[in-house]
Structure formats: structure tokens, C-alpha cells
Amino acid sequence: MKGKYTITILLFIALTAVCVYSVAQTRQPTLQQRVEILEKQVKQLTGRIEKLETEINPGLELKKEGKSSRIFFPLSVGQIVYFDVDDKINVVQVVDSNNMIVELLIREVRKYPNYTVLEPVKQMAWIQNYKTTNIVDEKKIIPPPNLLFKIIGTKTYETAIGGTQTVFLLEPIK
């Protein structure tokens, strides 16, 4: 009789083990399911990163939406622009800790009958509300690529020889 119970118990244990193994196997995601889970997680992380980037630099959203453009000549009040790595900004004078007078070497699109040319044009401008720490006169600078500027108007200032000069006034979008 003992042997009969022993065999029954062993069969019960074996059957339980098979059931547990089967359940464990059915709960394991397939390779396709794992890929889908990872894709979903990447999408969520990408969304979070984009949200954080927008919080850090709200102007980035304008760039993504196409409401801003690379800086080109001619400039006009109201434009939202960004500088590319080959756009040159020469600091003419650091006015104070947040203002500087700059010479922009930007491109002008010139269209001819058979071709189009981007020609460099020099344009003086005043940049305000831009930290000038570690910036000196006659230094070339390149603002961060995701930093957008709005041309908010013009500014007239007195030159060193006593005259005045009116230039475009740019301000970073924060």
C-alpha cells in the first residue's frame, strides 16, 4: 500500500512540475513581444527626452515646427533664427555682462537665371540677454545649435567717434 501512495505522490509531484513548467513557458514573452516592449519603452523615453529638451529650451519646439530658420540675409524684425556652425559671429564689443555688439557673417541667397549662389554678407547686430562671460572683443563665437534668436527690433547706439549706428536687436529665446 505504501508503494501505491509513493507512486501516486511521485506522479502528483511530476504532474505539478510539468504544469508549473508549462505555465512558466507560456508567461515568457516571445522574441517579437520583447521587441515590441522595447520599442514601446524607447518611444516613451524619446517622448520624455523631447519634453525635457523643450522645457530647457522652449525655442527648440519652434525649430521643429519649422517656425524658425537658419539666419539668412536680409534680416527683418520678427524673424526667429538660429546660427549654423558655418555662420560666423565676430564679437566687435562686449558692452556688459549680457550685451554685445557683433558682426554677423551670414549668407544671402542670390538667384541667377541658371543657378543659385549663397554669398557671404556682413551685418552688424546687437545681441542682448546673452551671457558674455568668457567672451572678449574680436572673438568669434558660435551659439549652441538649439538656441534660437528673435529679431525684436533695432537698436541705436553711440559709436566711439561720436556718431550713431542703428543695428538689428537680437535676443535669445529662453
N, C-alpha and C. Protein backbone atom coordinates (compact mmCIF):
# COMPACT_ATOMS: atom_id res chain seq x y z
N MET A 1 0.82 -1.18 0.00
CA MET A 1 0.00 0.00 0.00
C MET A 1 0.87 1.25 0.00
N LYS A 2 1.98 1.12 0.78
CA LYS A 2 2.87 2.28 0.83
C LYS A 2 3.41 2.60 -0.55
N GLY A 3 3.73 1.60 -1.31
CA GLY A 3 4.27 1.81 -2.64
C GLY A 3 3.29 2.50 -3.57
N LYS A 4 2.00 2.16 -3.39
CA LYS A 4 0.95 2.77 -4.21
C LYS A 4 0.87 4.26 -3.92
N TYR A 5 0.92 4.63 -2.63
CA TYR A 5 0.88 6.05 -2.26
C TYR A 5 2.14 6.77 -2.73
N THR A 6 3.24 6.10 -2.64
CA THR A 6 4.51 6.71 -3.06
C THR A 6 4.47 7.00 -4.55
N ILE A 7 3.98 6.06 -5.32
CA ILE A 7 3.87 6.26 -6.77
C ILE A 7 2.89 7.38 -7.06
N THR A 8 1.78 7.45 -6.36
CA THR A 8 0.78 8.50 -6.54
C THR A 8 1.38 9.86 -6.21
N ILE A 9 2.12 9.90 -5.10
CA ILE A 9 2.74 11.17 -4.70
C ILE A 9 3.79 11.60 -5.73
N LEU A 10 4.58 10.64 -6.18
CA LEU A 10 5.60 10.96 -7.20
C LEU A 10 4.94 11.42 -8.50
N LEU A 11 3.87 10.76 -8.90
CA LEU A 11 3.15 11.18 -10.10
C LEU A 11 2.55 12.59 -9.91
N PHE A 12 2.00 12.84 -8.73
CA PHE A 12 1.44 14.16 -8.43
C PHE A 12 2.53 15.23 -8.50
N ILE A 13 3.69 14.94 -7.93
CA ILE A 13 4.81 15.90 -7.95
C ILE A 13 5.27 16.13 -9.39
N ALA A 14 5.38 15.05 -10.16
CA ALA A 14 5.82 15.17 -11.55
C ALA A 14 4.81 15.98 -12.36
N LEU A 15 3.52 15.67 -12.15
CA LEU A 15 2.48 16.40 -12.87
C LEU A 15 2.48 17.88 -12.49
N THR A 16 2.68 18.18 -11.21
CA THR A 16 2.76 19.57 -10.74
C THR A 16 3.94 20.28 -11.38
N ALA A 17 5.08 19.59 -11.45
CA ALA A 17 6.27 20.18 -12.06
C ALA A 17 6.03 20.50 -13.54
N VAL A 18 5.38 19.57 -14.24
CA VAL A 18 5.07 19.80 -15.66
C VAL A 18 4.13 20.98 -15.82
N CYS A 19 3.13 21.08 -14.96
CA CYS A 19 2.19 22.21 -15.03
C CYS A 19 2.89 23.54 -14.74
N VAL A 20 3.73 23.54 -13.70
CA VAL A 20 4.46 24.77 -13.37
C VAL A 20 5.36 25.16 -14.52
N TYR A 21 6.05 24.19 -15.11
CA TYR A 21 6.93 24.46 -16.24
C TYR A 21 6.13 25.01 -17.43
N SER A 22 4.96 24.42 -17.71
CA SER A 22 4.11 24.88 -18.81
C SER A 22 3.65 26.31 -18.59
N VAL A 23 3.21 26.59 -17.37
CA VAL A 23 2.75 27.95 -17.05
C VAL A 23 3.90 28.93 -17.20
N ALA A 24 5.08 28.54 -16.72
CA ALA A 24 6.25 29.42 -16.81
C ALA A 24 6.59 29.69 -18.27
N GLN A 25 6.48 28.63 -19.11
CA GLN A 25 6.79 28.80 -20.52
C GLN A 25 5.79 29.71 -21.22
N THR A 26 4.52 29.63 -20.85
CA THR A 26 3.52 30.46 -21.52
C THR A 26 3.62 31.91 -21.07
N ARG A 27 4.18 32.17 -19.91
CA ARG A 27 4.32 33.55 -19.42
C ARG A 27 5.55 34.25 -19.96
N GLN A 28 6.51 33.50 -20.49
CA GLN A 28 7.70 34.10 -21.07
C GLN A 28 7.32 34.78 -22.39
N PRO A 29 7.66 36.08 -22.54
CA PRO A 29 7.32 36.74 -23.81
C PRO A 29 8.16 36.18 -24.96
N THR A 30 7.55 36.16 -26.11
CA THR A 30 8.28 35.72 -27.30
C THR A 30 9.27 36.81 -27.69
N LEU A 31 10.12 36.47 -28.61
CA LEU A 31 11.10 37.46 -29.09
C LEU A 31 10.38 38.67 -29.68
N GLN A 32 9.34 38.44 -30.43
CA GLN A 32 8.55 39.53 -31.03
C GLN A 32 7.93 40.41 -29.94
N GLN A 33 7.41 39.77 -28.89
CA GLN A 33 6.82 40.54 -27.79
C GLN A 33 7.88 41.36 -27.08
N ARG A 34 9.06 40.77 -26.90
CA ARG A 34 10.15 41.52 -26.25
C ARG A 34 10.53 42.75 -27.09
N VAL A 35 10.62 42.57 -28.40
CA VAL A 35 10.95 43.69 -29.30
C VAL A 35 9.90 44.78 -29.19
N GLU A 36 8.62 44.38 -29.19
CA GLU A 36 7.53 45.35 -29.06
C GLU A 36 7.60 46.10 -27.73
N ILE A 37 7.92 45.39 -26.66
CA ILE A 37 8.06 46.03 -25.34
C ILE A 37 9.20 47.04 -25.37
N LEU A 38 10.34 46.65 -25.94
CA LEU A 38 11.49 47.56 -26.01
C LEU A 38 11.18 48.78 -26.89
N GLU A 39 10.49 48.56 -28.02
CA GLU A 39 10.12 49.69 -28.88
C GLU A 39 9.22 50.67 -28.14
N LYS A 40 8.28 50.15 -27.36
CA LYS A 40 7.38 51.00 -26.58
C LYS A 40 8.17 51.80 -25.54
N GLN A 41 9.12 51.14 -24.88
CA GLN A 41 9.93 51.83 -23.87
C GLN A 41 10.80 52.91 -24.51
N VAL A 42 11.37 52.62 -25.67
CA VAL A 42 12.19 53.61 -26.38
C VAL A 42 11.33 54.81 -26.77
N LYS A 43 10.12 54.54 -27.26
CA LYS A 43 9.20 55.62 -27.65
C LYS A 43 8.85 56.49 -26.44
N GLN A 44 8.60 55.86 -25.29
CA GLN A 44 8.29 56.61 -24.07
C GLN A 44 9.48 57.46 -23.64
N LEU A 45 10.67 56.88 -23.68
CA LEU A 45 11.88 57.62 -23.29
C LEU A 45 12.16 58.78 -24.24
N THR A 46 11.96 58.56 -25.53
CA THR A 46 12.15 59.62 -26.52
C THR A 46 11.19 60.77 -26.25
N GLY A 47 9.95 60.45 -25.94
CA GLY A 47 8.97 61.49 -25.61
C GLY A 47 9.38 62.27 -24.37
N ARG A 48 9.88 61.56 -23.37
CA ARG A 48 10.33 62.24 -22.14
C ARG A 48 11.51 63.15 -22.43
N ILE A 49 12.47 62.67 -23.25
CA ILE A 49 13.64 63.47 -23.59
C ILE A 49 13.22 64.72 -24.34
N GLU A 50 12.33 64.58 -25.33
CA GLU A 50 11.86 65.73 -26.09
C GLU A 50 11.15 66.74 -25.18
N LYS A 51 10.37 66.24 -24.23
CA LYS A 51 9.68 67.13 -23.29
C LYS A 51 10.70 67.90 -22.45
N LEU A 52 11.71 67.20 -21.96
CA LEU A 52 12.75 67.85 -21.16
C LEU A 52 13.53 68.87 -21.98
N GLU A 53 13.85 68.53 -23.25
CA GLU A 53 14.56 69.48 -24.11
C GLU A 53 13.73 70.74 -24.32
N THR A 54 12.44 70.57 -24.51
CA THR A 54 11.55 71.72 -24.71
C THR A 54 11.47 72.57 -23.44
N GLU A 55 11.47 71.91 -22.28
CA GLU A 55 11.45 72.68 -21.03
C GLU A 55 12.75 73.46 -20.85
N ILE A 56 13.86 72.85 -21.24
CA ILE A 56 15.16 73.52 -21.11
C ILE A 56 15.27 74.65 -22.13
N ASN A 57 14.85 74.41 -23.36
CA ASN A 57 14.95 75.41 -24.42
C ASN A 57 13.65 75.44 -25.21
N PRO A 58 12.69 76.31 -24.82
CA PRO A 58 11.40 76.34 -25.50
C PRO A 58 11.50 76.65 -26.99
N GLY A 59 12.56 77.33 -27.40
CA GLY A 59 12.72 77.67 -28.81
C GLY A 59 12.92 76.45 -29.70
N LEU A 60 13.34 75.34 -29.10
CA LEU A 60 13.55 74.13 -29.87
C LEU A 60 12.26 73.67 -30.55
N GLU A 61 11.13 73.85 -29.89
CA GLU A 61 9.84 73.47 -30.46
C GLU A 61 9.56 74.28 -31.73
N LEU A 62 9.91 75.56 -31.71
CA LEU A 62 9.71 76.40 -32.90
C LEU A 62 10.55 75.90 -34.06
N LYS A 63 11.77 75.45 -33.75
CA LYS A 63 12.66 74.93 -34.79
C LYS A 63 12.06 73.66 -35.40
N LYS A 64 11.57 72.77 -34.53
CA LYS A 64 10.98 71.51 -35.01
C LYS A 64 9.73 71.76 -35.84
N GLU A 65 8.95 72.77 -35.47
CA GLU A 65 7.71 73.07 -36.18
C GLU A 65 7.94 73.86 -37.45
N GLY A 66 9.19 74.22 -37.73
CA GLY A 66 9.50 74.99 -38.93
C GLY A 66 9.15 76.46 -38.81
N LYS A 67 8.99 76.97 -37.59
CA LYS A 67 8.66 78.38 -37.39
C LYS A 67 9.92 79.24 -37.24
N SER A 68 11.07 78.62 -37.38
CA SER A 68 12.32 79.36 -37.36
C SER A 68 13.15 78.87 -38.55
N SER A 69 14.18 79.63 -38.88
CA SER A 69 15.03 79.23 -39.99
C SER A 69 16.46 79.63 -39.70
N ARG A 70 17.36 79.03 -40.44
CA ARG A 70 18.76 79.42 -40.33
C ARG A 70 18.85 80.88 -40.73
N ILE A 71 19.77 81.59 -40.11
CA ILE A 71 19.86 83.02 -40.37
C ILE A 71 20.36 83.27 -41.79
N PHE A 72 19.62 84.08 -42.54
CA PHE A 72 19.97 84.47 -43.90
C PHE A 72 19.73 85.96 -44.05
N PHE A 73 20.46 86.56 -44.97
CA PHE A 73 20.27 87.96 -45.32
C PHE A 73 19.14 88.02 -46.35
N PRO A 74 18.26 88.97 -46.37
CA PRO A 74 18.17 90.11 -45.46
C PRO A 74 17.42 89.74 -44.18
N LEU A 75 17.80 90.39 -43.10
CA LEU A 75 17.12 90.20 -41.82
C LEU A 75 15.91 91.11 -41.74
N SER A 76 14.96 90.75 -40.88
CA SER A 76 13.81 91.61 -40.67
C SER A 76 13.28 91.39 -39.25
N VAL A 77 12.69 92.42 -38.70
CA VAL A 77 12.14 92.36 -37.34
C VAL A 77 11.04 91.29 -37.30
N GLY A 78 11.07 90.48 -36.25
CA GLY A 78 10.08 89.42 -36.08
C GLY A 78 10.58 88.04 -36.45
N GLN A 79 11.67 87.97 -37.20
CA GLN A 79 12.21 86.67 -37.60
C GLN A 79 12.71 85.92 -36.37
N ILE A 80 12.58 84.61 -36.42
CA ILE A 80 13.17 83.73 -35.42
C ILE A 80 14.21 82.91 -36.16
N VAL A 81 15.47 83.03 -35.71
CA VAL A 81 16.57 82.43 -36.46
C VAL A 81 17.49 81.64 -35.54
N TYR A 82 18.27 80.78 -36.15
CA TYR A 82 19.35 80.08 -35.43
C TYR A 82 20.60 80.16 -36.29
N PHE A 83 21.73 79.96 -35.64
CA PHE A 83 23.01 80.02 -36.32
C PHE A 83 23.53 78.61 -36.53
N ASP A 84 24.04 78.37 -37.72
CA ASP A 84 24.64 77.09 -38.03
C ASP A 84 26.14 77.20 -37.77
N VAL A 85 26.85 76.06 -37.76
CA VAL A 85 28.26 76.08 -37.41
C VAL A 85 29.11 76.90 -38.38
N ASP A 86 28.69 77.04 -39.61
CA ASP A 86 29.50 77.83 -40.55
C ASP A 86 29.06 79.29 -40.63
N ASP A 87 28.08 79.69 -39.82
CA ASP A 87 27.73 81.11 -39.70
C ASP A 87 28.71 81.71 -38.69
N LYS A 88 29.35 82.81 -39.07
CA LYS A 88 30.36 83.40 -38.19
C LYS A 88 29.78 84.59 -37.43
N ILE A 89 30.09 84.64 -36.14
CA ILE A 89 29.70 85.77 -35.30
C ILE A 89 30.99 86.32 -34.70
N ASN A 90 31.37 87.51 -35.13
CA ASN A 90 32.56 88.15 -34.60
C ASN A 90 32.12 89.19 -33.58
N VAL A 91 32.57 89.04 -32.33
CA VAL A 91 32.22 90.00 -31.29
C VAL A 91 33.04 91.26 -31.51
N VAL A 92 32.36 92.36 -31.82
CA VAL A 92 33.03 93.64 -32.01
C VAL A 92 33.32 94.26 -30.64
N GLN A 93 32.30 94.25 -29.77
CA GLN A 93 32.48 94.84 -28.45
C GLN A 93 31.55 94.18 -27.44
N VAL A 94 32.12 93.77 -26.30
CA VAL A 94 31.32 93.31 -25.19
C VAL A 94 30.90 94.56 -24.43
N VAL A 95 29.59 94.84 -24.39
CA VAL A 95 29.08 96.06 -23.76
C VAL A 95 29.01 95.88 -22.24
N ASP A 96 28.45 94.77 -21.80
CA ASP A 96 28.36 94.45 -20.37
C ASP A 96 28.16 92.95 -20.23
N SER A 97 27.74 92.49 -19.07
CA SER A 97 27.64 91.05 -18.81
C SER A 97 26.54 90.35 -19.61
N ASN A 98 25.65 91.11 -20.27
CA ASN A 98 24.55 90.49 -21.02
C ASN A 98 24.35 91.06 -22.42
N ASN A 99 25.21 91.97 -22.86
CA ASN A 99 25.03 92.63 -24.15
C ASN A 99 26.35 92.68 -24.92
N MET A 100 26.24 92.55 -26.23
CA MET A 100 27.42 92.68 -27.08
C MET A 100 27.01 93.14 -28.47
N ILE A 101 27.95 93.84 -29.10
CA ILE A 101 27.79 94.27 -30.49
C ILE A 101 28.57 93.27 -31.32
N VAL A 102 27.93 92.75 -32.35
CA VAL A 102 28.56 91.69 -33.15
C VAL A 102 28.49 92.01 -34.64
N GLU A 103 29.37 91.40 -35.36
CA GLU A 103 29.33 91.44 -36.82
C GLU A 103 29.00 90.02 -37.27
N LEU A 104 27.90 89.87 -37.94
CA LEU A 104 27.45 88.56 -38.43
C LEU A 104 27.94 88.37 -39.85
N LEU A 105 28.53 87.24 -40.13
CA LEU A 105 28.86 86.88 -41.50
C LEU A 105 27.85 85.80 -41.87
N ILE A 106 26.81 86.23 -42.55
CA ILE A 106 25.70 85.32 -42.88
C ILE A 106 25.58 85.19 -44.39
N ARG A 107 24.69 84.40 -44.82
CA ARG A 107 24.52 84.11 -46.25
C ARG A 107 23.34 84.87 -46.85
N GLU A 108 23.54 85.27 -48.07
CA GLU A 108 22.44 85.85 -48.84
C GLU A 108 22.20 84.94 -50.03
N VAL A 109 20.95 84.61 -50.26
CA VAL A 109 20.59 83.77 -51.40
C VAL A 109 20.46 84.67 -52.62
N ARG A 110 21.30 84.42 -53.59
CA ARG A 110 21.23 85.19 -54.85
C ARG A 110 20.88 84.23 -55.97
N LYS A 111 19.78 84.54 -56.63
CA LYS A 111 19.32 83.67 -57.71
C LYS A 111 19.68 84.30 -59.05
N TYR A 112 20.28 83.49 -59.90
CA TYR A 112 20.63 83.89 -61.25
C TYR A 112 19.83 83.01 -62.20
N PRO A 113 19.80 83.34 -63.48
CA PRO A 113 18.96 82.56 -64.40
C PRO A 113 19.24 81.05 -64.37
N ASN A 114 20.49 80.65 -64.29
CA ASN A 114 20.80 79.22 -64.37
C ASN A 114 21.27 78.59 -63.07
N TYR A 115 21.44 79.38 -62.01
CA TYR A 115 21.95 78.82 -60.76
C TYR A 115 21.64 79.75 -59.59
N THR A 116 21.83 79.22 -58.40
CA THR A 116 21.63 79.97 -57.16
C THR A 116 22.93 79.94 -56.36
N VAL A 117 23.27 81.07 -55.76
CA VAL A 117 24.52 81.17 -55.01
C VAL A 117 24.21 81.68 -53.61
N LEU A 118 24.92 81.15 -52.61
CA LEU A 118 24.87 81.70 -51.26
C LEU A 118 26.12 82.54 -51.08
N GLU A 119 25.95 83.84 -51.02
CA GLU A 119 27.10 84.72 -50.88
C GLU A 119 27.17 85.27 -49.46
N PRO A 120 28.40 85.35 -48.90
CA PRO A 120 28.53 85.89 -47.54
C PRO A 120 28.27 87.39 -47.51
N VAL A 121 27.57 87.82 -46.46
CA VAL A 121 27.24 89.23 -46.26
C VAL A 121 27.54 89.57 -44.81
N LYS A 122 28.16 90.73 -44.58
CA LYS A 122 28.40 91.17 -43.21
C LYS A 122 27.24 92.03 -42.75
N GLN A 123 26.79 91.79 -41.51
CA GLN A 123 25.66 92.53 -40.94
C GLN A 123 25.97 92.79 -39.48
N MET A 124 25.95 94.04 -39.08
CA MET A 124 26.15 94.40 -37.68
C MET A 124 24.85 94.14 -36.92
N ALA A 125 24.98 93.75 -35.65
CA ALA A 125 23.80 93.49 -34.81
C ALA A 125 24.17 93.68 -33.35
N TRP A 126 23.15 93.84 -32.52
CA TRP A 126 23.30 93.92 -31.07
C TRP A 126 22.60 92.70 -30.50
N ILE A 127 23.30 91.94 -29.68
CA ILE A 127 22.68 90.78 -29.02
C ILE A 127 22.54 91.12 -27.55
N GLN A 128 21.31 91.04 -27.05
CA GLN A 128 21.06 91.34 -25.63
C GLN A 128 20.59 90.08 -24.91
N ASN A 129 20.73 90.11 -23.57
CA ASN A 129 20.32 88.99 -22.71
C ASN A 129 21.03 87.69 -23.08
N TYR A 130 22.30 87.81 -23.45
CA TYR A 130 23.15 86.66 -23.76
C TYR A 130 24.39 86.79 -22.88
N LYS A 131 24.63 85.82 -22.03
CA LYS A 131 25.75 85.92 -21.09
C LYS A 131 27.07 86.07 -21.85
N THR A 132 27.81 87.12 -21.51
CA THR A 132 29.07 87.38 -22.19
C THR A 132 30.28 86.94 -21.36
N THR A 133 30.03 86.16 -20.32
CA THR A 133 31.14 85.63 -19.53
C THR A 133 32.06 84.84 -20.45
N ASN A 134 33.34 85.05 -20.35
CA ASN A 134 34.36 84.38 -21.16
C ASN A 134 34.32 84.77 -22.64
N ILE A 135 33.65 85.86 -22.96
CA ILE A 135 33.65 86.37 -24.33
C ILE A 135 34.41 87.69 -24.31
N VAL A 136 35.28 87.87 -25.29
CA VAL A 136 36.06 89.10 -25.36
C VAL A 136 35.89 89.72 -26.74
N ASP A 137 36.25 91.00 -26.85
CA ASP A 137 36.18 91.70 -28.13
C ASP A 137 37.04 90.96 -29.17
N GLU A 138 36.57 90.99 -30.39
CA GLU A 138 37.25 90.39 -31.55
C GLU A 138 37.35 88.86 -31.48
N LYS A 139 36.52 88.25 -30.66
CA LYS A 139 36.49 86.79 -30.58
C LYS A 139 35.33 86.28 -31.42
N LYS A 140 35.55 85.19 -32.13
CA LYS A 140 34.47 84.56 -32.89
C LYS A 140 33.76 83.58 -31.97
N ILE A 141 32.44 83.60 -32.03
CA ILE A 141 31.66 82.68 -31.20
C ILE A 141 30.67 81.92 -32.07
N ILE A 142 30.25 80.79 -31.57
CA ILE A 142 29.18 80.01 -32.20
C ILE A 142 28.20 79.66 -31.10
N PRO A 143 26.97 80.22 -31.14
CA PRO A 143 25.98 79.86 -30.11
C PRO A 143 25.61 78.38 -30.22
N PRO A 144 25.08 77.82 -29.14
CA PRO A 144 24.62 76.42 -29.21
C PRO A 144 23.63 76.23 -30.35
N PRO A 145 23.68 75.07 -31.04
CA PRO A 145 22.83 74.86 -32.22
C PRO A 145 21.34 74.89 -31.94
N ASN A 146 20.91 74.59 -30.72
CA ASN A 146 19.47 74.60 -30.43
C ASN A 146 18.99 75.94 -29.89
N LEU A 147 19.88 76.91 -29.82
CA LEU A 147 19.50 78.22 -29.30
C LEU A 147 18.93 79.08 -30.43
N LEU A 148 17.71 79.54 -30.24
CA LEU A 148 17.06 80.39 -31.23
C LEU A 148 17.11 81.84 -30.78
N PHE A 149 17.17 82.73 -31.76
CA PHE A 149 17.15 84.16 -31.51
C PHE A 149 15.95 84.78 -32.22
N LYS A 150 15.37 85.78 -31.59
CA LYS A 150 14.30 86.53 -32.24
C LYS A 150 14.83 87.93 -32.51
N ILE A 151 14.60 88.41 -33.71
CA ILE A 151 14.97 89.78 -34.05
C ILE A 151 13.82 90.64 -33.56
N ILE A 152 14.04 91.32 -32.41
CA ILE A 152 12.94 92.01 -31.73
C ILE A 152 12.83 93.48 -32.10
N GLY A 153 13.75 93.98 -32.90
CA GLY A 153 13.68 95.39 -33.29
C GLY A 153 15.04 95.87 -33.73
N THR A 154 15.25 97.18 -33.56
CA THR A 154 16.54 97.77 -33.87
C THR A 154 17.05 98.50 -32.63
N LYS A 155 18.32 98.77 -32.63
CA LYS A 155 18.93 99.49 -31.50
C LYS A 155 19.90 100.50 -32.07
N THR A 156 19.82 101.72 -31.57
CA THR A 156 20.75 102.77 -31.96
C THR A 156 21.71 103.00 -30.80
N TYR A 157 22.99 102.99 -31.12
CA TYR A 157 23.99 103.23 -30.08
C TYR A 157 25.01 104.24 -30.58
N GLU A 158 25.72 104.82 -29.64
CA GLU A 158 26.73 105.82 -29.97
C GLU A 158 28.05 105.11 -30.27
N THR A 159 28.66 105.49 -31.38
CA THR A 159 29.94 104.89 -31.76
C THR A 159 31.09 105.58 -31.03
N ALA A 160 32.27 105.03 -31.15
CA ALA A 160 33.45 105.57 -30.47
C ALA A 160 33.81 106.97 -30.96
N ILE A 161 33.47 107.28 -32.20
CA ILE A 161 33.83 108.60 -32.74
C ILE A 161 32.71 109.62 -32.57
N GLY A 162 31.68 109.26 -31.82
CA GLY A 162 30.62 110.22 -31.52
C GLY A 162 29.40 110.16 -32.41
N GLY A 163 29.42 109.35 -33.42
CA GLY A 163 28.26 109.21 -34.30
C GLY A 163 27.30 108.17 -33.71
N THR A 164 26.30 107.79 -34.47
CA THR A 164 25.38 106.75 -34.04
C THR A 164 25.29 105.68 -35.11
N GLN A 165 24.91 104.51 -34.69
CA GLN A 165 24.69 103.42 -35.63
C GLN A 165 23.45 102.66 -35.18
N THR A 166 22.60 102.33 -36.13
CA THR A 166 21.38 101.56 -35.85
C THR A 166 21.57 100.16 -36.42
N VAL A 167 21.34 99.16 -35.57
CA VAL A 167 21.54 97.76 -35.97
C VAL A 167 20.33 96.94 -35.51
N PHE A 168 20.23 95.73 -36.03
CA PHE A 168 19.17 94.84 -35.58
C PHE A 168 19.46 94.38 -34.16
N LEU A 169 18.39 94.20 -33.37
CA LEU A 169 18.49 93.78 -31.98
C LEU A 169 18.01 92.34 -31.89
N LEU A 170 18.92 91.45 -31.50
CA LEU A 170 18.59 90.03 -31.36
C LEU A 170 18.57 89.64 -29.91
N GLU A 171 17.66 88.72 -29.58
CA GLU A 171 17.55 88.24 -28.21
C GLU A 171 17.32 86.73 -28.24
N PRO A 172 18.06 85.98 -27.41
CA PRO A 172 17.80 84.54 -27.38
C PRO A 172 16.41 84.23 -26.84
N ILE A 173 15.80 83.19 -27.38
CA ILE A 173 14.51 82.73 -26.88
C ILE A 173 14.80 81.74 -25.77
N LYS A 174 14.29 82.02 -24.60
CA LYS A 174 14.56 81.15 -23.44
C LYS A 174 13.36 80.37 -23.04
